[in-house]
Amino acid sequence: MKRKNHIESEIVKTLKCFDEPGLKPSPFFAARVTAGIQEKTRPEAPVLSFRRWQPAVLVLAVVVNLVTATLYWTHRQRESAYRRQSLTRLFSEYGIQESVDPLDDIIISS
């Protein structure tokens, strides 16, 4: 209620000022205008600033990490022909009898 009365009194004061030949300056108005000008002219962070782009870089890194992890897990092969051939040659060269556990991909020599 107090605020409503204050607003009404300001309106009445403003309307009375139009009837007078000269307007009286208000120091509070000048302070508000000065503060508004200073706020508008305050330098912003540069466009290339890392602080400005930090959230976007973080999200991009997470997305790239998820995509590469997904591609790795979907396209990896437990046993490739080249690996099998290399192991066979290695075992035959050193005379090792091989037994391979396909689940763990661990070579157990006997």
PDB file of N, CA and C in Angstrom:
ATOM      1  N   MET A   1       0.818  -1.180   0.000  1.00  0.00           N
ATOM      2  CA  MET A   1       0.000   0.000   0.000  1.00  0.00           C
ATOM      3  C   MET A   1       0.876   1.263   0.000  1.00  0.00           C
ATOM      4  N   LYS A   2       1.956   1.204   0.752  1.00  0.00           N
ATOM      5  CA  LYS A   2       2.853   2.347   0.828  1.00  0.00           C
ATOM      6  C   LYS A   2       3.470   2.635  -0.541  1.00  0.00           C
ATOM      7  N   ARG A   3       3.791   1.559  -1.246  1.00  0.00           N
ATOM      8  CA  ARG A   3       4.398   1.721  -2.570  1.00  0.00           C
ATOM      9  C   ARG A   3       3.397   2.348  -3.543  1.00  0.00           C
ATOM     10  N   LYS A   4       2.156   1.934  -3.454  1.00  0.00           N
ATOM     11  CA  LYS A   4       1.126   2.472  -4.339  1.00  0.00           C
ATOM     12  C   LYS A   4       0.956   3.976  -4.094  1.00  0.00           C
ATOM     13  N   ASN A   5       0.955   4.373  -2.821  1.00  0.00           N
ATOM     14  CA  ASN A   5       0.850   5.803  -2.487  1.00  0.00           C
ATOM     15  C   ASN A   5       2.062   6.573  -3.000  1.00  0.00           C
ATOM     16  N   HIS A   6       3.222   5.964  -2.891  1.00  0.00           N
ATOM     17  CA  HIS A   6       4.437   6.612  -3.375  1.00  0.00           C
ATOM     18  C   HIS A   6       4.374   6.813  -4.889  1.00  0.00           C
ATOM     19  N   ILE A   7       3.903   5.805  -5.597  1.00  0.00           N
ATOM     20  CA  ILE A   7       3.794   5.904  -7.061  1.00  0.00           C
ATOM     21  C   ILE A   7       2.808   7.009  -7.435  1.00  0.00           C
ATOM     22  N   GLU A   8       1.684   7.052  -6.746  1.00  0.00           N
ATOM     23  CA  GLU A   8       0.689   8.091  -7.036  1.00  0.00           C
ATOM     24  C   GLU A   8       1.234   9.485  -6.763  1.00  0.00           C
ATOM     25  N   SER A   9       1.998   9.619  -5.675  1.00  0.00           N
ATOM     26  CA  SER A   9       2.564  10.943  -5.371  1.00  0.00           C
ATOM     27  C   SER A   9       3.596  11.342  -6.430  1.00  0.00           C
ATOM     28  N   GLU A  10       4.361  10.392  -6.934  1.00  0.00           N
ATOM     29  CA  GLU A  10       5.322  10.684  -7.998  1.00  0.00           C
ATOM     30  C   GLU A  10       4.605  11.098  -9.278  1.00  0.00           C
ATOM     31  N   ILE A  11       3.498  10.473  -9.561  1.00  0.00           N
ATOM     32  CA  ILE A  11       2.725  10.828 -10.762  1.00  0.00           C
ATOM     33  C   ILE A  11       2.197  12.253 -10.636  1.00  0.00           C
ATOM     34  N   VAL A  12       1.677  12.561  -9.457  1.00  0.00           N
ATOM     35  CA  VAL A  12       1.152  13.914  -9.222  1.00  0.00           C
ATOM     36  C   VAL A  12       2.267  14.943  -9.352  1.00  0.00           C
ATOM     37  N   LYS A  13       3.448  14.641  -8.791  1.00  0.00           N
ATOM     38  CA  LYS A  13       4.587  15.566  -8.897  1.00  0.00           C
ATOM     39  C   LYS A  13       4.982  15.763 -10.359  1.00  0.00           C
ATOM     40  N   THR A  14       4.993  14.690 -11.109  1.00  0.00           N
ATOM     41  CA  THR A  14       5.374  14.772 -12.519  1.00  0.00           C
ATOM     42  C   THR A  14       4.385  15.629 -13.299  1.00  0.00           C
ATOM     43  N   LEU A  15       3.105  15.414 -13.053  1.00  0.00           N
ATOM     44  CA  LEU A  15       2.091  16.210 -13.758  1.00  0.00           C
ATOM     45  C   LEU A  15       2.171  17.681 -13.375  1.00  0.00           C
ATOM     46  N   LYS A  16       2.499  17.978 -12.139  1.00  0.00           N
ATOM     47  CA  LYS A  16       2.645  19.382 -11.715  1.00  0.00           C
ATOM     48  C   LYS A  16       3.843  20.017 -12.403  1.00  0.00           C
ATOM     49  N   CYS A  17       4.895  19.231 -12.647  1.00  0.00           N
ATOM     50  CA  CYS A  17       6.090  19.782 -13.292  1.00  0.00           C
ATOM     51  C   CYS A  17       5.810  20.253 -14.707  1.00  0.00           C
ATOM     52  N   PHE A  18       4.843  19.647 -15.392  1.00  0.00           N
ATOM     53  CA  PHE A  18       4.529  20.064 -16.751  1.00  0.00           C
ATOM     54  C   PHE A  18       3.860  21.444 -16.765  1.00  0.00           C
ATOM     55  N   ASP A  19       3.207  21.761 -15.668  1.00  0.00           N
ATOM     56  CA  ASP A  19       2.541  23.066 -15.593  1.00  0.00           C
ATOM     57  C   ASP A  19       3.530  24.188 -15.287  1.00  0.00           C
ATOM     58  N   GLU A  20       4.626  23.886 -14.623  1.00  0.00           N
ATOM     59  CA  GLU A  20       5.627  24.889 -14.270  1.00  0.00           C
ATOM     60  C   GLU A  20       6.499  25.179 -15.481  1.00  0.00           C
ATOM     61  N   PRO A  21       7.034  26.387 -15.567  1.00  0.00           N
ATOM     62  CA  PRO A  21       7.846  26.729 -16.735  1.00  0.00           C
ATOM     63  C   PRO A  21       9.204  26.022 -16.765  1.00  0.00           C
ATOM     64  N   GLY A  22       9.823  25.765 -15.658  1.00  0.00           N
ATOM     65  CA  GLY A  22      11.131  25.106 -15.643  1.00  0.00           C
ATOM     66  C   GLY A  22      11.091  23.858 -14.771  1.00  0.00           C
ATOM     67  N   LEU A  23      11.776  22.833 -15.189  1.00  0.00           N
ATOM     68  CA  LEU A  23      11.810  21.595 -14.414  1.00  0.00           C
ATOM     69  C   LEU A  23      12.977  21.642 -13.440  1.00  0.00           C
ATOM     70  N   LYS A  24      12.751  21.154 -12.232  1.00  0.00           N
ATOM     71  CA  LYS A  24      13.804  21.102 -11.234  1.00  0.00           C
ATOM     72  C   LYS A  24      14.579  19.802 -11.405  1.00  0.00           C
ATOM     73  N   PRO A  25      15.904  19.854 -11.352  1.00  0.00           N
ATOM     74  CA  PRO A  25      16.682  18.619 -11.505  1.00  0.00           C
ATOM     75  C   PRO A  25      16.562  17.739 -10.264  1.00  0.00           C
ATOM     76  N   SER A  26      16.591  16.458 -10.491  1.00  0.00           N
ATOM     77  CA  SER A  26      16.530  15.497  -9.397  1.00  0.00           C
ATOM     78  C   SER A  26      17.878  14.776  -9.312  1.00  0.00           C
ATOM     79  N   PRO A  27      18.549  14.833  -8.150  1.00  0.00           N
ATOM     80  CA  PRO A  27      19.854  14.168  -8.047  1.00  0.00           C
ATOM     81  C   PRO A  27      19.729  12.646  -8.141  1.00  0.00           C
ATOM     82  N   PHE A  28      18.608  12.093  -7.719  1.00  0.00           N
ATOM     83  CA  PHE A  28      18.432  10.640  -7.805  1.00  0.00           C
ATOM     84  C   PHE A  28      18.298  10.199  -9.252  1.00  0.00           C
ATOM     85  N   PHE A  29      17.638  11.007 -10.058  1.00  0.00           N
ATOM     86  CA  PHE A  29      17.507  10.682 -11.469  1.00  0.00           C
ATOM     87  C   PHE A  29      18.878  10.714 -12.146  1.00  0.00           C
ATOM     88  N   ALA A  30      19.664  11.720 -11.831  1.00  0.00           N
ATOM     89  CA  ALA A  30      20.999  11.827 -12.413  1.00  0.00           C
ATOM     90  C   ALA A  30      21.864  10.638 -12.004  1.00  0.00           C
ATOM     91  N   ALA A  31      21.736  10.195 -10.760  1.00  0.00           N
ATOM     92  CA  ALA A  31      22.511   9.040 -10.295  1.00  0.00           C
ATOM     93  C   ALA A  31      22.090   7.777 -11.044  1.00  0.00           C
ATOM     94  N   ARG A  32      20.793   7.606 -11.266  1.00  0.00           N
ATOM     95  CA  ARG A  32      20.313   6.425 -11.998  1.00  0.00           C
ATOM     96  C   ARG A  32      20.780   6.448 -13.449  1.00  0.00           C
ATOM     97  N   VAL A  33      20.740   7.615 -14.071  1.00  0.00           N
ATOM     98  CA  VAL A  33      21.196   7.725 -15.461  1.00  0.00           C
ATOM     99  C   VAL A  33      22.692   7.431 -15.553  1.00  0.00           C
ATOM    100  N   THR A  34      23.472   7.962 -14.615  1.00  0.00           N
ATOM    101  CA  THR A  34      24.917   7.710 -14.607  1.00  0.00           C
ATOM    102  C   THR A  34      25.212   6.221 -14.415  1.00  0.00           C
ATOM    103  N   ALA A  35      24.491   5.580 -13.487  1.00  0.00           N
ATOM    104  CA  ALA A  35      24.691   4.147 -13.259  1.00  0.00           C
ATOM    105  C   ALA A  35      24.311   3.342 -14.503  1.00  0.00           C
ATOM    106  N   GLY A  36      23.231   3.731 -15.173  1.00  0.00           N
ATOM    107  CA  GLY A  36      22.814   3.046 -16.394  1.00  0.00           C
ATOM    108  C   GLY A  36      23.840   3.182 -17.500  1.00  0.00           C
ATOM    109  N   ILE A  37      24.409   4.390 -17.634  1.00  0.00           N
ATOM    110  CA  ILE A  37      25.437   4.615 -18.664  1.00  0.00           C
ATOM    111  C   ILE A  37      26.678   3.789 -18.361  1.00  0.00           C
ATOM    112  N   GLN A  38      27.082   3.760 -17.098  1.00  0.00           N
ATOM    113  CA  GLN A  38      28.263   2.974 -16.736  1.00  0.00           C
ATOM    114  C   GLN A  38      28.044   1.488 -16.980  1.00  0.00           C
ATOM    115  N   GLU A  39      26.834   1.020 -16.708  1.00  0.00           N
ATOM    116  CA  GLU A  39      26.539  -0.400 -16.934  1.00  0.00           C
ATOM    117  C   GLU A  39      26.565  -0.737 -18.417  1.00  0.00           C
ATOM    118  N   LYS A  40      26.048   0.164 -19.233  1.00  0.00           N
ATOM    119  CA  LYS A  40      26.033  -0.083 -20.686  1.00  0.00           C
ATOM    120  C   LYS A  40      27.430  -0.019 -21.288  1.00  0.00           C
ATOM    121  N   THR A  41      28.293   0.835 -20.740  1.00  0.00           N
ATOM    122  CA  THR A  41      29.630   0.998 -21.311  1.00  0.00           C
ATOM    123  C   THR A  41      30.660   0.067 -20.679  1.00  0.00           C
ATOM    124  N   ARG A  42      30.234  -0.769 -19.735  1.00  0.00           N
ATOM    125  CA  ARG A  42      31.177  -1.688 -19.095  1.00  0.00           C
ATOM    126  C   ARG A  42      31.695  -2.673 -20.145  1.00  0.00           C
ATOM    127  N   PRO A  43      33.002  -2.873 -20.198  1.00  0.00           N
ATOM    128  CA  PRO A  43      33.540  -3.795 -21.215  1.00  0.00           C
ATOM    129  C   PRO A  43      33.125  -5.237 -20.920  1.00  0.00           C
ATOM    130  N   GLU A  44      32.704  -5.898 -21.966  1.00  0.00           N
ATOM    131  CA  GLU A  44      32.333  -7.315 -21.840  1.00  0.00           C
ATOM    132  C   GLU A  44      33.570  -8.169 -22.065  1.00  0.00           C
ATOM    133  N   ALA A  45      33.426  -9.452 -21.747  1.00  0.00           N
ATOM    134  CA  ALA A  45      34.536 -10.383 -21.972  1.00  0.00           C
ATOM    135  C   ALA A  45      34.780 -10.491 -23.478  1.00  0.00           C
ATOM    136  N   PRO A  46      36.028 -10.584 -23.889  1.00  0.00           N
ATOM    137  CA  PRO A  46      36.319 -10.723 -25.315  1.00  0.00           C
ATOM    138  C   PRO A  46      35.663 -11.983 -25.889  1.00  0.00           C
ATOM    139  N   VAL A  47      35.400 -11.935 -27.171  1.00  0.00           N
ATOM    140  CA  VAL A  47      34.718 -13.054 -27.839  1.00  0.00           C
ATOM    141  C   VAL A  47      35.552 -14.328 -27.764  1.00  0.00           C
ATOM    142  N   LEU A  48      36.862 -14.195 -27.832  1.00  0.00           N
ATOM    143  CA  LEU A  48      37.731 -15.364 -27.833  1.00  0.00           C
ATOM    144  C   LEU A  48      38.145 -15.792 -26.424  1.00  0.00           C
ATOM    145  N   SER A  49      37.516 -15.237 -25.427  1.00  0.00           N
ATOM    146  CA  SER A  49      37.851 -15.575 -24.045  1.00  0.00           C
ATOM    147  C   SER A  49      37.448 -17.014 -23.742  1.00  0.00           C
ATOM    148  N   PHE A  50      38.336 -17.770 -23.065  1.00  0.00           N
ATOM    149  CA  PHE A  50      38.038 -19.166 -22.735  1.00  0.00           C
ATOM    150  C   PHE A  50      36.892 -19.253 -21.724  1.00  0.00           C
ATOM    151  N   ARG A  51      36.816 -18.274 -20.828  1.00  0.00           N
ATOM    152  CA  ARG A  51      35.772 -18.283 -19.798  1.00  0.00           C
ATOM    153  C   ARG A  51      34.379 -18.260 -20.429  1.00  0.00           C
ATOM    154  N   ARG A  52      34.272 -17.573 -21.537  1.00  0.00           N
ATOM    155  CA  ARG A  52      32.988 -17.465 -22.210  1.00  0.00           C
ATOM    156  C   ARG A  52      32.613 -18.781 -22.907  1.00  0.00           C
ATOM    157  N   TRP A  53      33.600 -19.484 -23.423  1.00  0.00           N
ATOM    158  CA  TRP A  53      33.350 -20.704 -24.196  1.00  0.00           C
ATOM    159  C   TRP A  53      33.536 -21.970 -23.377  1.00  0.00           C
ATOM    160  N   GLN A  54      33.893 -21.865 -22.110  1.00  0.00           N
ATOM    161  CA  GLN A  54      34.201 -23.033 -21.285  1.00  0.00           C
ATOM    162  C   GLN A  54      33.057 -24.051 -21.215  1.00  0.00           C
ATOM    163  N   PRO A  55      31.806 -23.653 -20.985  1.00  0.00           N
ATOM    164  CA  PRO A  55      30.739 -24.668 -20.954  1.00  0.00           C
ATOM    165  C   PRO A  55      30.565 -25.392 -22.285  1.00  0.00           C
ATOM    166  N   ALA A  56      30.676 -24.651 -23.383  1.00  0.00           N
ATOM    167  CA  ALA A  56      30.521 -25.278 -24.699  1.00  0.00           C
ATOM    168  C   ALA A  56      31.658 -26.250 -24.980  1.00  0.00           C
ATOM    169  N   VAL A  57      32.868 -25.897 -24.592  1.00  0.00           N
ATOM    170  CA  VAL A  57      34.014 -26.781 -24.804  1.00  0.00           C
ATOM    171  C   VAL A  57      33.868 -28.043 -23.965  1.00  0.00           C
ATOM    172  N   LEU A  58      33.389 -27.890 -22.739  1.00  0.00           N
ATOM    173  CA  LEU A  58      33.192 -29.054 -21.875  1.00  0.00           C
ATOM    174  C   LEU A  58      32.142 -29.998 -22.461  1.00  0.00           C
ATOM    175  N   VAL A  59      31.022 -29.466 -22.904  1.00  0.00           N
ATOM    176  CA  VAL A  59      29.969 -30.304 -23.506  1.00  0.00           C
ATOM    177  C   VAL A  59      30.488 -30.972 -24.770  1.00  0.00           C
ATOM    178  N   LEU A  60      31.229 -30.241 -25.578  1.00  0.00           N
ATOM    179  CA  LEU A  60      31.788 -30.817 -26.806  1.00  0.00           C
ATOM    180  C   LEU A  60      32.761 -31.952 -26.497  1.00  0.00           C
ATOM    181  N   ALA A  61      33.590 -31.780 -25.478  1.00  0.00           N
ATOM    182  CA  ALA A  61      34.539 -32.831 -25.104  1.00  0.00           C
ATOM    183  C   ALA A  61      33.814 -34.083 -24.633  1.00  0.00           C
ATOM    184  N   VAL A  62      32.755 -33.910 -23.863  1.00  0.00           N
ATOM    185  CA  VAL A  62      31.985 -35.066 -23.388  1.00  0.00           C
ATOM    186  C   VAL A  62      31.323 -35.780 -24.559  1.00  0.00           C
ATOM    187  N   VAL A  63      30.755 -35.031 -25.482  1.00  0.00           N
ATOM    188  CA  VAL A  63      30.086 -35.637 -26.636  1.00  0.00           C
ATOM    189  C   VAL A  63      31.093 -36.386 -27.510  1.00  0.00           C
ATOM    190  N   VAL A  64      32.239 -35.786 -27.765  1.00  0.00           N
ATOM    191  CA  VAL A  64      33.263 -36.449 -28.583  1.00  0.00           C
ATOM    192  C   VAL A  64      33.742 -37.724 -27.884  1.00  0.00           C
ATOM    193  N   ASN A  65      33.907 -37.658 -26.574  1.00  0.00           N
ATOM    194  CA  ASN A  65      34.343 -38.827 -25.822  1.00  0.00           C
ATOM    195  C   ASN A  65      33.306 -39.949 -25.912  1.00  0.00           C
ATOM    196  N   LEU A  66      32.033 -39.613 -25.781  1.00  0.00           N
ATOM    197  CA  LEU A  66      30.983 -40.635 -25.888  1.00  0.00           C
ATOM    198  C   LEU A  66      30.922 -41.244 -27.279  1.00  0.00           C
ATOM    199  N   VAL A  67      31.065 -40.412 -28.294  1.00  0.00           N
ATOM    200  CA  VAL A  67      31.015 -40.922 -29.675  1.00  0.00           C
ATOM    201  C   VAL A  67      32.193 -41.846 -29.942  1.00  0.00           C
ATOM    202  N   THR A  68      33.387 -41.451 -29.547  1.00  0.00           N
ATOM    203  CA  THR A  68      34.541 -42.308 -29.807  1.00  0.00           C
ATOM    204  C   THR A  68      34.480 -43.600 -28.995  1.00  0.00           C
ATOM    205  N   ALA A  69      33.988 -43.523 -27.760  1.00  0.00           N
ATOM    206  CA  ALA A  69      33.858 -44.747 -26.965  1.00  0.00           C
ATOM    207  C   ALA A  69      32.832 -45.690 -27.589  1.00  0.00           C
ATOM    208  N   THR A  70      31.729 -45.140 -28.077  1.00  0.00           N
ATOM    209  CA  THR A  70      30.705 -45.967 -28.729  1.00  0.00           C
ATOM    210  C   THR A  70      31.254 -46.607 -29.993  1.00  0.00           C
ATOM    211  N   LEU A  71      31.963 -45.833 -30.794  1.00  0.00           N
ATOM    212  CA  LEU A  71      32.550 -46.396 -32.020  1.00  0.00           C
ATOM    213  C   LEU A  71      33.575 -47.473 -31.703  1.00  0.00           C
ATOM    214  N   TYR A  72      34.365 -47.254 -30.679  1.00  0.00           N
ATOM    215  CA  TYR A  72      35.367 -48.253 -30.304  1.00  0.00           C
ATOM    216  C   TYR A  72      34.701 -49.558 -29.886  1.00  0.00           C
ATOM    217  N   TRP A  73      33.697 -49.469 -29.017  1.00  0.00           N
ATOM    218  CA  TRP A  73      33.065 -50.697 -28.504  1.00  0.00           C
ATOM    219  C   TRP A  73      32.228 -51.414 -29.547  1.00  0.00           C
ATOM    220  N   THR A  74      31.698 -50.708 -30.526  1.00  0.00           N
ATOM    221  CA  THR A  74      30.882 -51.382 -31.543  1.00  0.00           C
ATOM    222  C   THR A  74      31.730 -51.969 -32.664  1.00  0.00           C
ATOM    223  N   HIS A  75      32.902 -51.405 -32.920  1.00  0.00           N
ATOM    224  CA  HIS A  75      33.704 -51.857 -34.061  1.00  0.00           C
ATOM    225  C   HIS A  75      34.939 -52.658 -33.683  1.00  0.00           C
ATOM    226  N   ARG A  76      35.181 -52.840 -32.423  1.00  0.00           N
ATOM    227  CA  ARG A  76      36.382 -53.591 -32.056  1.00  0.00           C
ATOM    228  C   ARG A  76      36.156 -55.087 -32.282  1.00  0.00           C
ATOM    229  N   GLN A  77      37.226 -55.778 -32.548  1.00  0.00           N
ATOM    230  CA  GLN A  77      37.156 -57.224 -32.775  1.00  0.00           C
ATOM    231  C   GLN A  77      38.029 -57.902 -31.736  1.00  0.00           C
ATOM    232  N   ARG A  78      37.523 -58.987 -31.221  1.00  0.00           N
ATOM    233  CA  ARG A  78      38.300 -59.722 -30.222  1.00  0.00           C
ATOM    234  C   ARG A  78      39.543 -60.340 -30.849  1.00  0.00           C
ATOM    235  N   GLU A  79      39.370 -60.884 -31.996  1.00  0.00           N
ATOM    236  CA  GLU A  79      40.459 -61.641 -32.618  1.00  0.00           C
ATOM    237  C   GLU A  79      40.491 -61.285 -34.102  1.00  0.00           C
ATOM    238  N   SER A  80      41.540 -60.656 -34.549  1.00  0.00           N
ATOM    239  CA  SER A  80      41.661 -60.354 -35.969  1.00  0.00           C
ATOM    240  C   SER A  80      42.513 -61.434 -36.637  1.00  0.00           C
ATOM    241  N   ALA A  81      42.381 -61.528 -37.938  1.00  0.00           N
ATOM    242  CA  ALA A  81      43.134 -62.532 -38.693  1.00  0.00           C
ATOM    243  C   ALA A  81      44.632 -62.227 -38.608  1.00  0.00           C
ATOM    244  N   TYR A  82      45.009 -60.979 -38.668  1.00  0.00           N
ATOM    245  CA  TYR A  82      46.414 -60.600 -38.594  1.00  0.00           C
ATOM    246  C   TYR A  82      47.003 -60.978 -37.233  1.00  0.00           C
ATOM    247  N   ARG A  83      46.246 -60.722 -36.167  1.00  0.00           N
ATOM    248  CA  ARG A  83      46.723 -61.069 -34.821  1.00  0.00           C
ATOM    249  C   ARG A  83      46.863 -62.582 -34.682  1.00  0.00           C
ATOM    250  N   ARG A  84      45.878 -63.325 -35.183  1.00  0.00           N
ATOM    251  CA  ARG A  84      45.913 -64.780 -35.100  1.00  0.00           C
ATOM    252  C   ARG A  84      47.129 -65.319 -35.855  1.00  0.00           C
ATOM    253  N   GLN A  85      47.385 -64.759 -37.050  1.00  0.00           N
ATOM    254  CA  GLN A  85      48.518 -65.215 -37.849  1.00  0.00           C
ATOM    255  C   GLN A  85      49.841 -64.893 -37.137  1.00  0.00           C
ATOM    256  N   SER A  86      49.934 -63.702 -36.559  1.00  0.00           N
ATOM    257  CA  SER A  86      51.159 -63.320 -35.857  1.00  0.00           C
ATOM    258  C   SER A  86      51.414 -64.224 -34.664  1.00  0.00           C
ATOM    259  N   LEU A  87      50.373 -64.524 -33.897  1.00  0.00           N
ATOM    260  CA  LEU A  87      50.542 -65.392 -32.734  1.00  0.00           C
ATOM    261  C   LEU A  87      50.918 -66.818 -33.152  1.00  0.00           C
ATOM    262  N   THR A  88      50.317 -67.297 -34.210  1.00  0.00           N
ATOM    263  CA  THR A  88      50.639 -68.640 -34.690  1.00  0.00           C
ATOM    264  C   THR A  88      52.104 -68.718 -35.107  1.00  0.00           C
ATOM    265  N   ARG A  89      52.582 -67.730 -35.831  1.00  0.00           N
ATOM    266  CA  ARG A  89      53.992 -67.704 -36.232  1.00  0.00           C
ATOM    267  C   ARG A  89      54.914 -67.626 -35.021  1.00  0.00           C
ATOM    268  N   LEU A  90      54.539 -66.781 -34.039  1.00  0.00           N
ATOM    269  CA  LEU A  90      55.346 -66.651 -32.842  1.00  0.00           C
ATOM    270  C   LEU A  90      55.428 -67.977 -32.096  1.00  0.00           C
ATOM    271  N   PHE A  91      54.289 -68.645 -31.917  1.00  0.00           N
ATOM    272  CA  PHE A  91      54.262 -69.910 -31.188  1.00  0.00           C
ATOM    273  C   PHE A  91      55.026 -70.997 -31.939  1.00  0.00           C
ATOM    274  N   SER A  92      54.871 -71.009 -33.272  1.00  0.00           N
ATOM    275  CA  SER A  92      55.586 -72.043 -34.028  1.00  0.00           C
ATOM    276  C   SER A  92      57.089 -71.780 -34.033  1.00  0.00           C
ATOM    277  N   GLU A  93      57.496 -70.536 -34.040  1.00  0.00           N
ATOM    278  CA  GLU A  93      58.921 -70.208 -34.047  1.00  0.00           C
ATOM    279  C   GLU A  93      59.586 -70.608 -32.742  1.00  0.00           C
ATOM    280  N   TYR A  94      58.919 -70.407 -31.627  1.00  0.00           N
ATOM    281  CA  TYR A  94      59.501 -70.745 -30.330  1.00  0.00           C
ATOM    282  C   TYR A  94      59.083 -72.122 -29.827  1.00  0.00           C
ATOM    283  N   GLY A  95      58.287 -72.824 -30.606  1.00  0.00           N
ATOM    284  CA  GLY A  95      57.884 -74.174 -30.256  1.00  0.00           C
ATOM    285  C   GLY A  95      56.964 -74.230 -29.042  1.00  0.00           C
ATOM    286  N   ILE A  96      56.105 -73.251 -28.911  1.00  0.00           N
ATOM    287  CA  ILE A  96      55.157 -73.210 -27.792  1.00  0.00           C
ATOM    288  C   ILE A  96      53.837 -73.780 -28.268  1.00  0.00           C
ATOM    289  N   GLN A  97      53.258 -74.613 -27.426  1.00  0.00           N
ATOM    290  CA  GLN A  97      51.941 -75.126 -27.752  1.00  0.00           C
ATOM    291  C   GLN A  97      50.936 -74.105 -27.224  1.00  0.00           C
ATOM    292  N   GLU A  98      49.995 -73.705 -28.067  1.00  0.00           N
ATOM    293  CA  GLU A  98      49.110 -72.611 -27.685  1.00  0.00           C
ATOM    294  C   GLU A  98      47.712 -73.112 -27.336  1.00  0.00           C
ATOM    295  N   SER A  99      47.124 -72.418 -26.385  1.00  0.00           N
ATOM    296  CA  SER A  99      45.695 -72.570 -26.139  1.00  0.00           C
ATOM    297  C   SER A  99      45.187 -71.179 -25.797  1.00  0.00           C
ATOM    298  N   VAL A 100      44.200 -70.740 -26.519  1.00  0.00           N
ATOM    299  CA  VAL A 100      43.706 -69.378 -26.387  1.00  0.00           C
ATOM    300  C   VAL A 100      42.316 -69.395 -25.777  1.00  0.00           C
ATOM    301  N   ASP A 101      42.135 -68.577 -24.754  1.00  0.00           N
ATOM    302  CA  ASP A 101      40.822 -68.406 -24.155  1.00  0.00           C
ATOM    303  C   ASP A 101      40.126 -67.248 -24.871  1.00  0.00           C
ATOM    304  N   PRO A 102      39.110 -67.523 -25.694  1.00  0.00           N
ATOM    305  CA  PRO A 102      38.510 -66.453 -26.501  1.00  0.00           C
ATOM    306  C   PRO A 102      37.746 -65.421 -25.673  1.00  0.00           C
ATOM    307  N   LEU A 103      37.323 -65.787 -24.471  1.00  0.00           N
ATOM    308  CA  LEU A 103      36.565 -64.829 -23.667  1.00  0.00           C
ATOM    309  C   LEU A 103      37.462 -63.728 -23.084  1.00  0.00           C
ATOM    310  N   ASP A 104      38.595 -64.102 -22.591  1.00  0.00           N
ATOM    311  CA  ASP A 104      39.486 -63.151 -21.958  1.00  0.00           C
ATOM    312  C   ASP A 104      40.567 -62.638 -22.885  1.00  0.00           C
ATOM    313  N   ASP A 105      40.746 -63.295 -24.020  1.00  0.00           N
ATOM    314  CA  ASP A 105      41.786 -62.919 -24.953  1.00  0.00           C
ATOM    315  C   ASP A 105      43.156 -63.008 -24.293  1.00  0.00           C
ATOM    316  N   ILE A 106      43.299 -63.978 -23.415  1.00  0.00           N
ATOM    317  CA  ILE A 106      44.565 -64.185 -22.710  1.00  0.00           C
ATOM    318  C   ILE A 106      45.189 -65.479 -23.253  1.00  0.00           C
ATOM    319  N   ILE A 107      46.449 -65.423 -23.540  1.00  0.00           N
ATOM    320  CA  ILE A 107      47.133 -66.581 -24.074  1.00  0.00           C
ATOM    321  C   ILE A 107      47.713 -67.382 -22.910  1.00  0.00           C
ATOM    322  N   ILE A 108      47.362 -68.632 -22.866  1.00  0.00           N
ATOM    323  CA  ILE A 108      47.875 -69.528 -21.816  1.00  0.00           C
ATOM    324  C   ILE A 108      48.777 -70.545 -22.495  1.00  0.00           C
ATOM    325  N   SER A 109      50.042 -70.515 -22.181  1.00  0.00           N
ATOM    326  CA  SER A 109      50.964 -71.459 -22.800  1.00  0.00           C
ATOM    327  C   SER A 109      51.176 -72.640 -21.862  1.00  0.00           C
ATOM    328  N   SER A 110      51.397 -73.776 -22.456  1.00  0.00           N
ATOM    329  CA  SER A 110      51.623 -74.961 -21.627  1.00  0.00           C
ATOM    330  C   SER A 110      52.942 -75.601 -21.957  1.00  0.00           C
TER     331      SER A 110
END
